Amino acid sequence: MNPTQVNPAAWQDHEVIFDMEGFSAIWGRYDNDDNFCLGARWNGGEDERGYPGQDAYPLWFVIPDYLTLSMLERLNTNALQGDLRAANGNPIQLESIRQSAYL
């Protein structure tokens, strides 16, 4: 499943910041919280909903705050050109994510 098509109502102002080898991550607000957080999922194949999901609906799971910084840094290391990229190809700087997360 294309991660840009996973849009559950619980996530607001989110965008895909990592998509590689069937694993994707988003940065956004969850459950109307003012703070941003990291979400992730395994995408599955083209006709699969991936994991997590509920019934036929694909979902994102929230990465706990205590893992967010280390996971963002590792995603940043693995991402093309040394930075995270939004689905539109624009770079997302790790420092701006840190500031919005109050990490």
N, C-alpha and C. Protein backbone atom coordinates (compact mmCIF):
# COMPACT_ATOMS: atom_id res chain seq x y z
N MET A 1 0.83 -1.18 0.00
CA MET A 1 0.00 0.00 0.00
C MET A 1 0.88 1.24 0.00
N ASN A 2 0.49 2.20 -0.78
CA ASN A 2 1.19 3.48 -0.83
C ASN A 2 0.94 4.23 0.48
N PRO A 3 1.99 4.61 1.24
CA PRO A 3 1.78 5.26 2.53
C PRO A 3 1.06 6.60 2.45
N THR A 4 1.12 7.27 1.32
CA THR A 4 0.41 8.55 1.20
C THR A 4 -1.10 8.35 1.14
N GLN A 5 -1.56 7.12 0.96
CA GLN A 5 -2.99 6.82 0.92
C GLN A 5 -3.52 6.40 2.28
N VAL A 6 -2.67 6.36 3.29
CA VAL A 6 -3.09 5.99 4.65
C VAL A 6 -3.40 7.28 5.40
N ASN A 7 -4.67 7.56 5.58
CA ASN A 7 -5.08 8.84 6.18
C ASN A 7 -6.17 8.66 7.23
N PRO A 8 -5.89 7.96 8.32
CA PRO A 8 -6.92 7.82 9.35
C PRO A 8 -7.22 9.16 10.02
N ALA A 9 -8.44 9.32 10.47
CA ALA A 9 -8.90 10.59 11.05
C ALA A 9 -8.14 10.97 12.31
N ALA A 10 -7.52 10.02 12.99
CA ALA A 10 -6.82 10.32 14.24
C ALA A 10 -5.54 11.13 14.01
N TRP A 11 -5.04 11.18 12.78
CA TRP A 11 -3.81 11.93 12.47
C TRP A 11 -4.15 13.22 11.74
N GLN A 12 -3.57 14.33 12.19
CA GLN A 12 -3.75 15.62 11.53
C GLN A 12 -2.37 16.18 11.16
N ASP A 13 -2.36 17.01 10.14
CA ASP A 13 -1.15 17.73 9.72
C ASP A 13 0.05 16.79 9.57
N HIS A 14 -0.16 15.64 8.97
CA HIS A 14 0.93 14.67 8.86
C HIS A 14 1.43 14.58 7.42
N GLU A 15 2.69 14.15 7.32
CA GLU A 15 3.26 13.87 6.01
C GLU A 15 4.25 12.72 6.13
N VAL A 16 4.37 11.97 5.07
CA VAL A 16 5.30 10.85 5.03
C VAL A 16 6.72 11.42 4.97
N ILE A 17 7.56 11.02 5.93
CA ILE A 17 8.93 11.52 5.96
C ILE A 17 9.94 10.42 5.61
N PHE A 18 9.48 9.19 5.56
CA PHE A 18 10.37 8.08 5.21
C PHE A 18 9.56 6.97 4.57
N ASP A 19 10.08 6.42 3.48
CA ASP A 19 9.40 5.31 2.79
C ASP A 19 10.47 4.49 2.08
N MET A 20 10.82 3.36 2.68
CA MET A 20 11.88 2.54 2.10
C MET A 20 11.66 1.08 2.48
N GLU A 21 11.76 0.20 1.50
CA GLU A 21 11.71 -1.25 1.71
C GLU A 21 10.48 -1.69 2.50
N GLY A 22 9.33 -1.12 2.20
CA GLY A 22 8.09 -1.54 2.82
C GLY A 22 7.79 -0.95 4.17
N PHE A 23 8.68 -0.10 4.68
CA PHE A 23 8.47 0.56 5.97
C PHE A 23 8.35 2.05 5.74
N SER A 24 7.38 2.68 6.38
CA SER A 24 7.19 4.12 6.24
C SER A 24 7.01 4.78 7.60
N ALA A 25 7.35 6.05 7.65
CA ALA A 25 7.16 6.85 8.86
C ALA A 25 6.51 8.17 8.49
N ILE A 26 5.72 8.68 9.41
CA ILE A 26 5.09 9.99 9.24
C ILE A 26 5.43 10.87 10.43
N TRP A 27 5.28 12.16 10.22
CA TRP A 27 5.44 13.17 11.28
C TRP A 27 4.15 13.96 11.27
N GLY A 28 3.47 14.02 12.43
CA GLY A 28 2.21 14.73 12.48
C GLY A 28 1.64 14.80 13.88
N ARG A 29 0.44 15.29 13.96
CA ARG A 29 -0.26 15.39 15.25
C ARG A 29 -1.24 14.23 15.34
N TYR A 30 -1.25 13.57 16.49
CA TYR A 30 -2.12 12.42 16.71
C TYR A 30 -3.19 12.75 17.74
N ASP A 31 -4.41 12.39 17.41
CA ASP A 31 -5.54 12.51 18.34
C ASP A 31 -5.72 13.93 18.87
N ASN A 32 -5.63 14.91 17.98
CA ASN A 32 -5.84 16.33 18.27
C ASN A 32 -4.87 16.91 19.30
N ASP A 33 -3.73 16.26 19.48
CA ASP A 33 -2.70 16.79 20.37
C ASP A 33 -2.02 17.96 19.67
N ASP A 34 -1.60 18.96 20.43
CA ASP A 34 -0.89 20.11 19.85
C ASP A 34 0.54 19.75 19.45
N ASN A 35 1.12 18.74 20.08
CA ASN A 35 2.50 18.35 19.80
C ASN A 35 2.55 17.35 18.65
N PHE A 36 3.63 17.41 17.91
CA PHE A 36 3.84 16.46 16.82
C PHE A 36 4.49 15.20 17.36
N CYS A 37 4.27 14.10 16.65
CA CYS A 37 4.89 12.84 17.04
C CYS A 37 5.19 12.02 15.79
N LEU A 38 5.92 10.94 16.00
CA LEU A 38 6.32 10.05 14.92
C LEU A 38 5.36 8.86 14.86
N GLY A 39 4.96 8.53 13.65
CA GLY A 39 4.14 7.34 13.42
C GLY A 39 4.83 6.45 12.41
N ALA A 40 4.49 5.16 12.40
CA ALA A 40 5.13 4.23 11.48
C ALA A 40 4.17 3.12 11.09
N ARG A 41 4.55 2.39 10.02
CA ARG A 41 3.78 1.22 9.57
C ARG A 41 4.60 0.41 8.59
N TRP A 42 4.19 -0.85 8.44
CA TRP A 42 4.69 -1.72 7.38
C TRP A 42 3.63 -1.72 6.31
N ASN A 43 4.02 -1.45 5.07
CA ASN A 43 3.05 -1.17 4.03
C ASN A 43 2.40 -2.38 3.38
N GLY A 44 3.03 -3.52 3.37
CA GLY A 44 2.47 -4.67 2.67
C GLY A 44 2.58 -4.48 1.16
N GLY A 45 1.95 -5.36 0.40
CA GLY A 45 1.97 -5.28 -1.05
C GLY A 45 0.96 -4.29 -1.59
N GLU A 46 0.91 -4.18 -2.90
CA GLU A 46 0.01 -3.22 -3.57
C GLU A 46 -1.45 -3.39 -3.16
N ASP A 47 -1.91 -4.63 -3.03
CA ASP A 47 -3.32 -4.89 -2.71
C ASP A 47 -3.54 -5.28 -1.27
N GLU A 48 -2.56 -5.02 -0.42
CA GLU A 48 -2.67 -5.35 1.00
C GLU A 48 -2.75 -4.06 1.81
N ARG A 49 -3.40 -4.13 2.96
CA ARG A 49 -3.50 -2.92 3.79
C ARG A 49 -2.26 -2.69 4.62
N GLY A 50 -1.39 -3.70 4.79
CA GLY A 50 -0.20 -3.55 5.61
C GLY A 50 -0.54 -3.68 7.09
N TYR A 51 0.40 -3.25 7.93
CA TYR A 51 0.21 -3.35 9.38
C TYR A 51 0.72 -2.07 10.04
N PRO A 52 0.01 -1.50 10.97
CA PRO A 52 -1.24 -1.99 11.52
C PRO A 52 -2.43 -1.62 10.65
N GLY A 53 -3.54 -2.23 10.99
CA GLY A 53 -4.79 -1.95 10.32
C GLY A 53 -5.94 -2.43 11.16
N GLN A 54 -7.11 -1.93 10.85
CA GLN A 54 -8.32 -2.38 11.54
C GLN A 54 -9.34 -2.69 10.48
N ASP A 55 -9.79 -3.94 10.44
CA ASP A 55 -10.64 -4.43 9.36
C ASP A 55 -9.92 -4.16 8.04
N ALA A 56 -10.54 -3.45 7.12
CA ALA A 56 -9.90 -3.19 5.83
C ALA A 56 -9.12 -1.88 5.82
N TYR A 57 -9.05 -1.18 6.95
CA TYR A 57 -8.48 0.17 7.00
C TYR A 57 -7.03 0.17 7.48
N PRO A 58 -6.13 0.74 6.70
CA PRO A 58 -4.73 0.85 7.13
C PRO A 58 -4.58 1.95 8.18
N LEU A 59 -3.67 1.76 9.10
CA LEU A 59 -3.44 2.72 10.19
C LEU A 59 -1.95 2.98 10.35
N TRP A 60 -1.62 3.99 11.14
CA TRP A 60 -0.27 4.27 11.60
C TRP A 60 -0.23 3.99 13.10
N PHE A 61 0.91 3.51 13.61
CA PHE A 61 1.04 3.41 15.06
C PHE A 61 1.98 4.50 15.55
N VAL A 62 1.74 4.97 16.76
CA VAL A 62 2.53 6.05 17.36
C VAL A 62 3.78 5.47 17.99
N ILE A 63 4.93 6.04 17.63
CA ILE A 63 6.20 5.67 18.26
C ILE A 63 6.28 6.41 19.60
N PRO A 64 6.58 5.71 20.70
CA PRO A 64 6.65 6.37 22.00
C PRO A 64 7.70 7.49 22.00
N ASP A 65 7.43 8.53 22.79
CA ASP A 65 8.34 9.68 22.87
C ASP A 65 9.78 9.28 23.17
N TYR A 66 9.97 8.31 24.06
CA TYR A 66 11.33 7.94 24.46
C TYR A 66 12.11 7.26 23.34
N LEU A 67 11.45 6.85 22.26
CA LEU A 67 12.13 6.25 21.12
C LEU A 67 12.21 7.19 19.91
N THR A 68 11.47 8.28 19.95
CA THR A 68 11.33 9.14 18.78
C THR A 68 12.66 9.70 18.28
N LEU A 69 13.45 10.30 19.14
CA LEU A 69 14.68 10.94 18.70
C LEU A 69 15.65 9.92 18.09
N SER A 70 15.85 8.80 18.76
CA SER A 70 16.80 7.81 18.23
C SER A 70 16.28 7.22 16.91
N MET A 71 14.98 7.03 16.79
CA MET A 71 14.44 6.50 15.55
C MET A 71 14.55 7.53 14.42
N LEU A 72 14.27 8.79 14.71
CA LEU A 72 14.42 9.84 13.69
C LEU A 72 15.87 9.94 13.22
N GLU A 73 16.80 9.86 14.15
CA GLU A 73 18.20 9.94 13.76
C GLU A 73 18.60 8.76 12.88
N ARG A 74 18.11 7.57 13.19
CA ARG A 74 18.43 6.40 12.36
C ARG A 74 17.76 6.49 11.00
N LEU A 75 16.51 6.94 10.95
CA LEU A 75 15.85 7.14 9.66
C LEU A 75 16.60 8.16 8.83
N ASN A 76 17.06 9.21 9.49
CA ASN A 76 17.83 10.24 8.80
C ASN A 76 19.11 9.66 8.21
N THR A 77 19.77 8.79 8.94
CA THR A 77 21.00 8.15 8.45
C THR A 77 20.71 7.30 7.22
N ASN A 78 19.58 6.60 7.21
CA ASN A 78 19.24 5.69 6.12
C ASN A 78 18.63 6.38 4.91
N ALA A 79 18.10 7.57 5.10
CA ALA A 79 17.39 8.24 4.01
C ALA A 79 18.36 8.69 2.92
N LEU A 80 17.87 8.78 1.72
CA LEU A 80 18.67 9.23 0.59
C LEU A 80 19.18 10.64 0.83
N GLN A 81 20.41 10.91 0.44
CA GLN A 81 21.07 12.21 0.53
C GLN A 81 21.22 12.71 1.96
N GLY A 82 21.11 11.83 2.94
CA GLY A 82 21.37 12.20 4.32
C GLY A 82 20.29 13.02 4.98
N ASP A 83 19.12 13.11 4.40
CA ASP A 83 18.04 13.83 5.08
C ASP A 83 16.73 13.09 4.85
N LEU A 84 15.74 13.43 5.63
CA LEU A 84 14.42 12.85 5.46
C LEU A 84 13.72 13.57 4.32
N ARG A 85 12.89 12.86 3.59
CA ARG A 85 12.20 13.47 2.46
C ARG A 85 10.71 13.26 2.61
N ALA A 86 9.97 14.31 2.40
CA ALA A 86 8.52 14.22 2.38
C ALA A 86 8.10 13.50 1.11
N ALA A 87 6.85 13.10 1.05
CA ALA A 87 6.35 12.40 -0.13
C ALA A 87 6.53 13.22 -1.40
N ASN A 88 6.56 14.56 -1.27
CA ASN A 88 6.72 15.42 -2.44
C ASN A 88 8.18 15.60 -2.84
N GLY A 89 9.10 14.96 -2.11
CA GLY A 89 10.52 15.02 -2.46
C GLY A 89 11.29 16.14 -1.79
N ASN A 90 10.61 17.03 -1.09
CA ASN A 90 11.30 18.13 -0.42
C ASN A 90 11.98 17.64 0.85
N PRO A 91 13.18 18.13 1.15
CA PRO A 91 13.87 17.69 2.36
C PRO A 91 13.16 18.19 3.62
N ILE A 92 13.18 17.37 4.64
CA ILE A 92 12.67 17.74 5.96
C ILE A 92 13.87 17.70 6.89
N GLN A 93 14.23 18.80 7.46
CA GLN A 93 15.42 18.88 8.29
C GLN A 93 15.12 18.33 9.68
N LEU A 94 16.00 17.48 10.18
CA LEU A 94 15.83 16.85 11.47
C LEU A 94 15.72 17.89 12.58
N GLU A 95 16.47 18.97 12.48
CA GLU A 95 16.44 20.00 13.53
C GLU A 95 15.05 20.61 13.67
N SER A 96 14.36 20.86 12.57
CA SER A 96 13.02 21.43 12.66
C SER A 96 12.04 20.43 13.27
N ILE A 97 12.24 19.14 13.01
CA ILE A 97 11.40 18.12 13.65
C ILE A 97 11.67 18.07 15.14
N ARG A 98 12.93 18.13 15.53
CA ARG A 98 13.26 18.14 16.97
C ARG A 98 12.59 19.31 17.67
N GLN A 99 12.64 20.48 17.07
CA GLN A 99 12.05 21.67 17.68
C GLN A 99 10.55 21.54 17.83
N SER A 100 9.87 20.99 16.81
CA SER A 100 8.42 20.87 16.90
C SER A 100 8.00 19.79 17.88
N ALA A 101 8.91 18.85 18.17
CA ALA A 101 8.59 17.77 19.11
C ALA A 101 9.01 18.11 20.54
N TYR A 102 9.70 19.22 20.72
CA TYR A 102 10.21 19.60 22.03
C TYR A 102 11.11 18.52 22.60
N LEU A 103 11.96 17.93 21.73
CA LEU A 103 12.85 16.85 22.18
C LEU A 103 14.14 17.43 22.73
